[in-house]
Protein backbone atom coordinates (compact mmCIF):
# COMPACT_ATOMS: atom_id res chain seq x y z
CA MET A 1 -54.24 66.01 -52.97
CA ARG A 2 -51.29 65.91 -55.77
CA ILE A 3 -49.35 69.11 -56.14
CA VAL A 4 -46.54 69.99 -58.37
CA LEU A 5 -44.21 72.75 -57.00
CA GLY A 6 -42.41 74.54 -59.75
CA VAL A 7 -39.30 76.24 -58.73
CA GLY A 8 -37.80 79.25 -60.67
CA GLY A 9 -34.16 80.25 -60.73
CA GLY A 10 -34.24 83.22 -58.36
CA ILE A 11 -32.75 83.69 -54.89
CA ALA A 12 -36.07 83.47 -53.29
CA ALA A 13 -36.11 79.85 -54.16
CA TYR A 14 -35.09 79.13 -50.44
CA LYS A 15 -38.42 80.24 -49.38
CA ALA A 16 -40.03 77.62 -51.51
CA ALA A 17 -38.56 74.92 -49.17
CA SER A 18 -40.87 76.35 -46.37
CA LEU A 19 -43.72 76.49 -48.82
CA LEU A 20 -43.05 72.56 -49.43
CA ARG A 21 -42.89 71.82 -45.91
CA LEU A 22 -46.57 73.46 -45.39
CA PHE A 23 -47.87 71.47 -48.27
CA THR A 24 -46.51 68.03 -46.88
CA GLU A 25 -47.45 68.72 -43.41
CA SER A 26 -50.95 69.25 -44.42
CA GLY A 27 -50.92 65.78 -46.11
CA HIS A 28 -50.52 66.78 -49.61
CA SER A 29 -48.15 64.71 -52.01
CA VAL A 30 -45.74 66.90 -53.62
CA THR A 31 -43.71 66.58 -56.59
CA VAL A 32 -40.99 69.34 -56.99
CA ILE A 33 -39.88 70.43 -60.47
CA PRO A 34 -36.92 72.80 -60.18
CA THR A 35 -35.64 74.89 -63.37
CA GLU A 36 -31.89 74.22 -64.07
CA ALA A 37 -31.11 77.76 -62.86
CA SER A 38 -32.92 77.26 -59.44
CA LEU A 39 -30.47 74.40 -58.63
CA ALA A 40 -27.94 76.98 -58.38
CA PHE A 41 -29.70 78.30 -55.20
CA VAL A 42 -31.26 74.98 -53.76
CA GLY A 43 -30.03 71.68 -54.61
CA LYS A 44 -32.01 68.52 -55.86
CA ALA A 45 -31.12 66.69 -52.49
CA THR A 46 -33.08 69.38 -50.53
CA TRP A 47 -36.20 68.91 -52.71
CA GLU A 48 -35.97 65.09 -52.55
CA ALA A 49 -35.60 64.99 -48.81
CA LEU A 50 -38.46 67.50 -47.89
CA SER A 51 -41.00 66.04 -50.50
CA GLY A 52 -40.10 62.28 -50.23
CA ASN A 53 -40.24 62.03 -53.97
CA PRO A 54 -37.97 61.78 -56.70
CA VAL A 55 -36.89 65.24 -58.31
CA SER A 56 -36.05 65.74 -62.06
CA ASN A 57 -36.21 68.63 -64.44
CA SER A 58 -35.65 66.63 -67.59
CA VAL A 59 -38.19 65.28 -69.99
CA PHE A 60 -35.79 62.36 -70.52
CA ASP A 61 -36.09 61.00 -66.94
CA GLN A 62 -38.72 58.34 -66.44
CA VAL A 63 -39.62 58.13 -70.13
CA ASP A 64 -41.40 54.94 -69.63
CA LYS A 65 -43.85 56.78 -67.48
CA VAL A 66 -44.32 59.71 -70.18
CA ASN A 67 -43.36 62.00 -67.15
CA HIS A 68 -43.80 65.23 -69.16
CA VAL A 69 -47.48 64.34 -69.72
CA ARG A 70 -48.46 62.51 -66.70
CA LEU A 71 -47.25 65.08 -64.07
CA GLY A 72 -49.59 67.87 -65.46
CA HIS A 73 -52.59 65.45 -65.96
CA GLU A 74 -52.42 64.03 -62.45
CA ALA A 75 -51.68 67.20 -60.64
CA ASP A 76 -54.59 68.65 -58.70
CA LEU A 77 -52.81 72.02 -58.44
CA LEU A 78 -49.43 73.58 -59.96
CA VAL A 79 -47.70 76.08 -57.97
CA ILE A 80 -44.86 77.94 -59.42
CA ALA A 81 -42.83 79.80 -56.56
CA PRO A 82 -40.79 81.73 -57.21
CA ALA A 83 -42.03 82.74 -60.64
CA THR A 84 -39.15 84.71 -62.17
CA ALA A 85 -39.53 87.13 -65.16
CA ASP A 86 -38.15 84.59 -67.39
CA LEU A 87 -40.25 81.85 -66.35
CA LEU A 88 -43.33 84.10 -66.58
CA ALA A 89 -42.31 84.84 -70.17
CA ARG A 90 -41.77 81.28 -71.15
CA ALA A 91 -45.03 80.21 -69.76
CA ALA A 92 -46.71 83.03 -71.37
CA GLY A 93 -45.06 82.02 -74.54
CA GLY A 94 -46.14 78.58 -74.43
CA HIS A 95 -42.58 77.19 -74.25
CA ALA A 96 -41.83 73.44 -73.61
CA ASP A 97 -37.98 73.44 -73.33
CA ASP A 98 -37.97 71.61 -69.89
CA LEU A 99 -39.97 69.53 -67.69
CA LEU A 100 -41.69 72.35 -65.85
CA THR A 101 -42.88 74.16 -68.87
CA ASN A 102 -44.06 70.78 -70.36
CA THR A 103 -45.93 70.18 -67.21
CA LEU A 104 -47.55 73.69 -67.32
CA LEU A 105 -48.88 72.91 -70.89
CA MET A 106 -50.37 69.63 -69.90
CA ALA A 107 -51.93 71.14 -66.60
CA ARG A 108 -55.48 70.12 -66.12
CA GLY A 109 -55.94 71.79 -62.73
CA PRO A 110 -55.52 75.26 -61.60
CA VAL A 111 -52.15 77.12 -61.64
CA LEU A 112 -50.99 79.47 -59.14
CA PHE A 113 -47.88 81.65 -59.94
CA ALA A 114 -46.05 83.65 -57.03
CA PRO A 115 -43.79 86.17 -58.84
CA ALA A 116 -40.45 87.14 -57.44
CA MET A 117 -38.17 89.73 -59.21
CA HIS A 118 -36.67 93.28 -59.02
CA SER A 119 -39.31 96.13 -59.04
CA GLU A 120 -38.14 97.35 -62.60
CA MET A 121 -38.52 93.73 -63.95
CA TRP A 122 -42.21 93.61 -62.48
CA ALA A 123 -43.09 96.89 -63.83
CA ASN A 124 -41.59 96.26 -67.35
CA PRO A 125 -44.21 96.22 -70.06
CA ALA A 126 -43.02 93.03 -71.26
CA THR A 127 -43.69 91.36 -67.84
CA ARG A 128 -46.89 93.14 -67.42
CA ALA A 129 -48.11 91.71 -70.88
CA ASN A 130 -46.84 88.36 -69.96
CA VAL A 131 -48.79 88.35 -66.65
CA ALA A 132 -51.84 89.65 -68.40
CA THR A 133 -51.67 86.88 -70.86
CA LEU A 134 -51.38 84.29 -68.14
CA ARG A 135 -54.45 85.89 -66.29
CA ASP A 136 -56.39 86.00 -69.53
CA ARG A 137 -55.91 82.30 -69.92
CA GLY A 138 -57.26 81.46 -66.42
CA ALA A 139 -53.94 81.11 -64.45
CA ASN A 140 -53.79 82.80 -61.19
CA VAL A 141 -50.88 85.11 -60.47
CA LEU A 142 -50.39 86.52 -56.79
CA GLU A 143 -49.23 90.07 -56.63
CA PRO A 144 -45.73 90.25 -55.36
CA ALA A 145 -45.05 91.55 -51.77
CA VAL A 146 -43.30 94.95 -51.33
CA GLY A 147 -40.39 95.00 -49.21
CA ARG A 148 -36.47 94.37 -49.25
CA LEU A 149 -35.25 92.82 -52.53
CA THR A 150 -31.84 91.56 -53.35
CA GLY A 151 -29.20 93.99 -52.23
CA ALA A 152 -30.18 97.34 -50.67
CA ASP A 153 -33.34 98.05 -52.78
CA SER A 154 -36.82 97.89 -51.58
CA GLY A 155 -39.95 97.69 -53.65
CA PRO A 156 -42.68 95.67 -55.04
CA GLY A 157 -41.21 92.25 -56.35
CA ARG A 158 -40.53 90.39 -53.23
CA LEU A 159 -41.80 86.84 -52.98
CA PRO A 160 -45.05 86.54 -50.97
CA GLU A 161 -44.45 84.83 -47.62
CA PRO A 162 -44.89 81.04 -47.81
CA GLU A 163 -47.85 81.21 -45.58
CA ALA A 164 -49.52 83.53 -48.02
CA ILE A 165 -48.82 81.36 -51.01
CA PHE A 166 -50.11 78.38 -49.09
CA THR A 167 -53.46 80.05 -48.01
CA ALA A 168 -53.99 81.07 -51.65
CA ALA A 169 -53.20 77.48 -52.99
CA MET A 170 -55.39 75.98 -50.51
CA ALA A 171 -58.27 78.38 -51.63
CA LEU A 172 -57.66 77.03 -55.13
CA LEU A 173 -57.96 73.50 -54.09
CA ASP A 174 -61.22 74.26 -52.39
CA GLY A 175 -62.56 75.74 -55.63
CA VAL A 176 -62.34 79.29 -54.47
CA ALA A 177 -60.66 82.08 -56.38
CA PRO A 178 -58.12 83.48 -53.70
CA GLY A 179 -58.69 87.27 -53.23
CA GLY A 180 -62.36 87.31 -54.13
CA ASN A 181 -62.05 90.08 -56.34
CA GLY A 182 -64.83 89.87 -58.72
CA GLY A 183 -63.31 86.95 -60.82
CA SER A 184 -59.90 89.03 -61.29
CA ASN A 185 -56.95 86.74 -61.45
CA ALA A 186 -54.93 89.61 -60.03
CA VAL A 187 -54.71 87.78 -56.83
CA ALA A 188 -53.91 89.50 -53.40
CA ALA A 189 -52.91 86.56 -51.11
CA ALA A 190 -53.86 86.33 -47.44
CA ASP A 191 -51.13 87.98 -45.31
CA PRO A 192 -50.79 86.74 -41.64
CA ARG A 193 -49.65 90.45 -40.60
CA LEU A 194 -53.20 91.48 -41.53
CA ARG A 195 -55.25 88.39 -40.79
CA GLY A 196 -57.96 89.65 -38.02
CA LYS A 197 -56.88 93.28 -38.16
CA ARG A 198 -59.81 95.62 -38.38
CA VAL A 199 -59.47 97.79 -41.64
CA VAL A 200 -61.54 100.88 -42.41
CA VAL A 201 -61.58 102.21 -45.83
CA THR A 202 -63.43 105.16 -47.22
CA ALA A 203 -64.21 105.55 -50.89
CA GLY A 204 -66.12 107.46 -53.59
CA GLY A 205 -66.80 111.09 -53.69
CA THR A 206 -68.70 113.17 -51.39
CA ARG A 207 -71.79 115.41 -52.46
CA GLU A 208 -72.50 118.67 -50.91
CA ALA A 209 -76.25 119.64 -51.22
CA LEU A 210 -77.17 123.04 -52.77
CA ASP A 211 -80.93 122.41 -52.64
CA PRO A 212 -83.09 119.04 -52.72
CA VAL A 213 -82.04 118.48 -56.29
CA ARG A 214 -78.53 119.93 -56.89
CA TYR A 215 -75.19 119.36 -55.28
CA LEU A 216 -71.40 120.03 -55.50
CA GLY A 217 -69.36 117.00 -56.27
CA ASN A 218 -66.34 115.76 -57.95
CA ARG A 219 -65.38 113.13 -60.58
CA SER A 220 -64.28 110.24 -58.17
CA SER A 221 -65.59 106.81 -59.26
CA GLY A 222 -64.83 104.94 -56.02
CA LYS A 223 -63.08 102.25 -57.87
CA GLN A 224 -59.83 102.41 -56.04
CA GLY A 225 -61.29 102.69 -52.77
CA ILE A 226 -63.27 99.45 -53.33
CA ALA A 227 -60.38 97.86 -54.65
CA VAL A 228 -58.34 98.51 -51.53
CA ALA A 229 -61.47 97.19 -49.54
CA LEU A 230 -61.38 94.11 -51.59
CA ALA A 231 -57.53 93.83 -51.17
CA ALA A 232 -57.82 94.16 -47.47
CA ARG A 233 -60.44 91.26 -47.13
CA ALA A 234 -58.40 89.11 -49.36
CA ALA A 235 -55.37 89.65 -47.03
CA GLY A 236 -57.72 88.21 -44.37
CA ALA A 237 -58.73 91.51 -42.55
CA GLU A 238 -62.08 92.62 -41.10
CA VAL A 239 -63.06 95.47 -43.20
CA THR A 240 -65.55 98.10 -43.04
CA LEU A 241 -66.20 100.25 -46.05
CA ILE A 242 -67.43 103.81 -45.72
CA ALA A 243 -68.74 104.58 -49.08
CA ALA A 244 -69.75 107.98 -50.48
CA HIS A 245 -70.87 108.23 -54.15
CA VAL A 246 -69.62 105.34 -56.35
CA GLU A 247 -69.95 104.46 -59.85
CA VAL A 248 -69.46 100.63 -59.64
CA ALA A 249 -71.21 97.98 -57.56
CA LEU A 250 -70.53 97.88 -53.93
CA PRO A 251 -68.70 94.56 -52.76
CA GLN A 252 -70.59 91.90 -50.80
CA GLY A 253 -69.39 90.32 -47.58
CA ILE A 254 -68.05 93.70 -46.19
CA ASP A 255 -69.59 95.73 -43.51
CA LEU A 256 -70.94 98.82 -45.42
CA VAL A 257 -71.50 102.26 -44.21
CA GLN A 258 -73.11 104.68 -46.79
CA VAL A 259 -72.59 108.41 -46.65
CA GLU A 260 -73.23 111.41 -48.99
CA SER A 261 -71.49 114.62 -47.41
CA ALA A 262 -68.18 115.36 -46.01
CA LEU A 263 -69.72 115.84 -42.56
CA GLU A 264 -71.37 112.53 -42.72
CA LEU A 265 -68.19 110.78 -43.77
CA GLN A 266 -66.33 112.43 -40.88
CA ALA A 267 -68.84 111.18 -38.35
CA ALA A 268 -68.84 107.81 -39.88
CA ALA A 269 -65.05 107.63 -39.87
CA GLN A 270 -64.58 108.84 -36.31
CA SER A 271 -67.17 106.29 -35.31
CA ALA A 272 -65.39 103.64 -37.01
CA SER A 273 -61.88 104.59 -36.25
CA SER A 274 -61.99 104.13 -32.43
CA THR A 275 -61.55 100.32 -32.91
CA ALA A 276 -59.84 100.08 -36.23
CA ASP A 277 -56.16 98.86 -36.81
CA VAL A 278 -56.01 100.60 -39.88
CA LEU A 279 -57.57 103.62 -41.61
CA VAL A 280 -57.32 103.87 -45.42
CA MET A 281 -58.80 107.30 -46.44
CA ALA A 282 -59.20 106.65 -50.17
CA ALA A 283 -62.47 108.78 -50.57
CA ALA A 284 -62.44 112.11 -52.47
CA VAL A 285 -63.67 114.44 -49.98
CA ALA A 286 -65.00 117.93 -51.09
CA ASP A 287 -62.88 120.62 -49.56
CA PHE A 288 -65.93 123.13 -49.72
CA ARG A 289 -69.63 122.93 -48.92
CA PRO A 290 -72.33 125.67 -49.39
CA ASP A 291 -72.86 127.55 -46.17
CA HIS A 292 -76.50 127.22 -46.71
CA THR A 293 -78.63 124.44 -48.24
CA GLU A 294 -82.17 125.57 -49.70
CA GLY A 295 -85.06 123.73 -48.50
CA ALA A 296 -86.65 123.99 -52.01
CA LYS A 297 -85.18 123.64 -55.44
CA ILE A 298 -83.48 126.97 -56.53
CA LYS A 299 -85.69 128.33 -59.54
CA LYS A 300 -84.42 130.11 -62.54
CA ARG A 301 -86.55 133.07 -63.35
CA ASP A 302 -86.03 135.87 -65.81
CA ASP A 303 -87.10 138.47 -63.29
CA SER A 304 -84.70 137.52 -60.46
CA ALA A 305 -81.08 137.87 -60.21
CA ASP A 306 -78.47 134.97 -60.56
CA PRO A 307 -77.88 133.24 -57.23
CA VAL A 308 -74.82 133.84 -55.26
CA ILE A 309 -73.52 130.57 -53.41
CA THR A 310 -71.24 131.13 -50.49
CA LEU A 311 -68.85 128.29 -49.78
CA VAL A 312 -67.38 127.36 -46.53
CA ARG A 313 -64.38 125.04 -45.82
CA ASN A 314 -65.07 121.27 -44.96
CA PRO A 315 -63.11 119.93 -41.88
CA ASP A 316 -59.88 118.30 -42.82
CA ILE A 317 -61.03 114.62 -41.94
CA LEU A 318 -57.69 113.05 -42.42
CA ALA A 319 -55.80 115.40 -40.25
CA GLY A 320 -58.48 115.33 -37.66
CA LEU A 321 -58.32 111.47 -37.44
CA VAL A 322 -54.46 111.67 -36.90
CA ALA A 323 -55.04 114.02 -34.08
CA ASP A 324 -57.72 111.75 -32.53
CA ARG A 325 -55.37 108.94 -32.77
CA ASN A 326 -52.37 110.75 -31.29
CA ALA A 327 -54.50 112.12 -28.49
CA ALA A 328 -55.77 108.87 -27.36
CA GLY A 329 -52.54 107.13 -27.72
CA ARG A 330 -53.90 104.40 -30.12
CA ARG A 331 -51.41 102.08 -32.14
CA GLN A 332 -53.17 102.81 -35.44
CA LEU A 333 -51.83 103.01 -38.97
CA ILE A 334 -53.46 105.76 -41.05
CA VAL A 335 -53.14 105.97 -44.64
CA GLY A 336 -54.13 108.97 -46.84
CA PHE A 337 -54.79 109.14 -50.48
CA ALA A 338 -54.15 112.44 -52.60
CA ALA A 339 -54.52 113.28 -56.24
CA GLU A 340 -51.75 115.58 -57.42
CA THR A 341 -50.27 117.32 -60.49
CA GLY A 342 -47.07 119.17 -60.82
CA ASP A 343 -46.80 122.79 -61.91
CA ASP A 344 -43.99 125.51 -62.50
CA ARG A 345 -43.59 125.63 -58.47
CA GLY A 346 -43.02 122.06 -57.93
CA GLY A 347 -43.32 118.49 -59.11
CA VAL A 348 -45.94 115.70 -57.82
CA LEU A 349 -43.41 114.51 -55.22
CA ASP A 350 -42.79 118.03 -53.85
CA TYR A 351 -46.57 118.62 -53.24
CA ALA A 352 -47.08 114.98 -51.98
CA ARG A 353 -44.26 115.29 -49.35
CA ALA A 354 -45.64 118.56 -48.18
CA LYS A 355 -49.05 117.02 -47.74
CA LEU A 356 -47.82 114.10 -45.93
CA GLU A 357 -45.94 116.36 -43.36
CA ARG A 358 -49.13 118.63 -43.17
CA LYS A 359 -51.65 115.66 -42.61
CA GLY A 360 -49.40 113.69 -40.28
CA CYS A 361 -50.55 110.19 -41.69
CA ASP A 362 -48.16 107.37 -41.65
CA LEU A 363 -48.48 106.71 -45.55
CA LEU A 364 -49.66 108.72 -48.37
CA VAL A 365 -50.82 107.09 -51.65
CA VAL A 366 -50.38 109.84 -54.29
CA ASN A 367 -52.50 109.28 -57.43
CA GLN A 368 -51.00 111.42 -60.26
CA VAL A 369 -53.47 113.04 -62.33
CA GLY A 370 -52.65 113.98 -65.87
CA PRO A 371 -49.67 112.26 -68.14
CA GLY A 372 -48.84 109.08 -66.59
CA ALA A 373 -46.25 106.22 -67.72
CA GLY A 374 -45.93 105.84 -71.37
CA GLY A 375 -47.74 109.06 -72.13
CA GLN A 376 -51.18 107.56 -70.77
CA GLU A 377 -53.50 110.24 -69.59
CA LEU A 378 -54.51 109.41 -66.02
CA THR A 379 -57.93 110.72 -64.96
CA PHE A 380 -60.84 109.72 -62.64
CA GLY A 381 -62.89 106.78 -63.51
CA GLN A 382 -60.32 104.71 -65.44
CA ASP A 383 -59.65 101.00 -64.65
CA SER A 384 -55.77 101.59 -64.39
CA ASN A 385 -53.72 103.67 -62.11
CA GLU A 386 -50.37 104.97 -61.27
CA VAL A 387 -49.47 105.98 -57.67
CA LEU A 388 -46.44 106.57 -55.58
CA ILE A 389 -46.44 105.48 -51.80
CA LEU A 390 -44.86 107.75 -49.42
CA ASP A 391 -43.79 106.68 -46.02
CA ARG A 392 -43.47 109.22 -43.23
CA ASP A 393 -40.26 107.71 -42.25
CA GLY A 394 -38.77 109.35 -45.21
CA SER A 395 -37.90 106.29 -47.17
CA GLU A 396 -37.76 106.26 -50.82
CA PRO A 397 -41.25 106.22 -52.16
CA LEU A 398 -42.56 102.98 -53.90
CA ALA A 399 -44.27 103.09 -57.40
CA ALA A 400 -47.20 100.86 -58.43
CA LEU A 401 -49.15 100.88 -61.55
CA GLY A 402 -51.51 98.62 -63.45
CA THR A 403 -55.16 97.92 -62.90
CA LYS A 404 -56.88 99.40 -59.74
CA GLN A 405 -56.99 96.22 -58.12
CA GLU A 406 -53.25 95.45 -58.57
CA VAL A 407 -52.43 98.88 -57.26
CA ALA A 408 -54.77 98.20 -54.30
CA ASN A 409 -52.85 94.90 -53.66
CA ALA A 410 -49.51 96.86 -53.58
CA VAL A 411 -51.02 99.28 -51.27
CA MET A 412 -52.20 96.61 -49.06
CA ALA A 413 -48.87 94.75 -49.07
CA ARG A 414 -47.15 98.04 -48.13
CA ILE A 415 -49.55 98.14 -45.05
CA ALA A 416 -48.80 94.83 -44.15
CA GLU A 417 -45.00 95.23 -44.22
CA LYS A 418 -45.52 98.65 -42.06
CA LEU A 419 -47.38 96.80 -39.53
CA GLY A 420 -44.97 94.00 -39.49
CA VAL A 421 -42.14 96.43 -38.87
CA GLU A 422 -44.06 98.42 -36.05
CA ASN A 423 -45.13 94.92 -34.26
């Protein structure tokens, strides 16, 4: 296959050399098109030596072959790594001011962008709009990895590992949208740190029966938990989804256990956790249940008093799973989810840190309910989300925002990074 590898002007350009090697060792013919800025990081001689092909970034080279048209027409796949914020903006704007952007405009095959930039650049509304534009046009845009960036900072924006980009690229050559996330181009690449790991995800809201007709429930749609399960599968993990009530279609190709109540979810999670490498507890579990479930529908009669319903506490499933893991001495990563709001006694982070300490899990994904970024109201059931990912090691929280699939991809990237550190 003929692959064009576009290299953007970021410090992560050095990783593209390893990606190029993976392509050539797999038998593909690769033409490298570096931007002018990228040559400050990796020189032209390196690309020519590794690819075995001449390298240019000018539309005025090989004019007799009409290079700026030919390369895009002939390529079976275009991969842009690293895709900087500037390069994403130029691609979204349809610029044609160098050989790479000309080739992008002429491309007939699939296009894969692997972004790399600072976290604030990735989260900036301008970048988010550019990424959305590219995805709407059919381009595949990987979610950046979460980890150490240039300098001392960490966060989302790190270039995915070359092996992960290679896996996503090969999936596109095979005609498969990498990530398998319902047609979305918010792609989560395969990750060698998660390949073959067993990941158990809970999703949806539990229902606690009052009688055969009525129940106590909550507003959870299950969208975020299902997105996490899809991200785990895309990363190469073996996934079990324990689903309570959800308002979206359940995914195919994932081991599925359906439950209704908190006690049923607890039993399913305890059973699945014994062989799990990672537990992600994204379900919205009811804190209370009726102390008694009526065998028949509770009738409303004019000659009877209003019913009194006594509630009892449901078990703390997350804390219980942490205790079980610790008692058994299992090497297992446990991730909790929490919906929080601030009040006059503390902010979202204050309550989240206290909950992380109380639960004892390794990571806590805090879903801020209420006013979000840009004044947007964040409530259950939306397709977008804004979270903070807290680590028990006390490191700075990581922010993730966007569609629920994008947030799920960021959560899974943080889990992979944590697994990589511990292993």
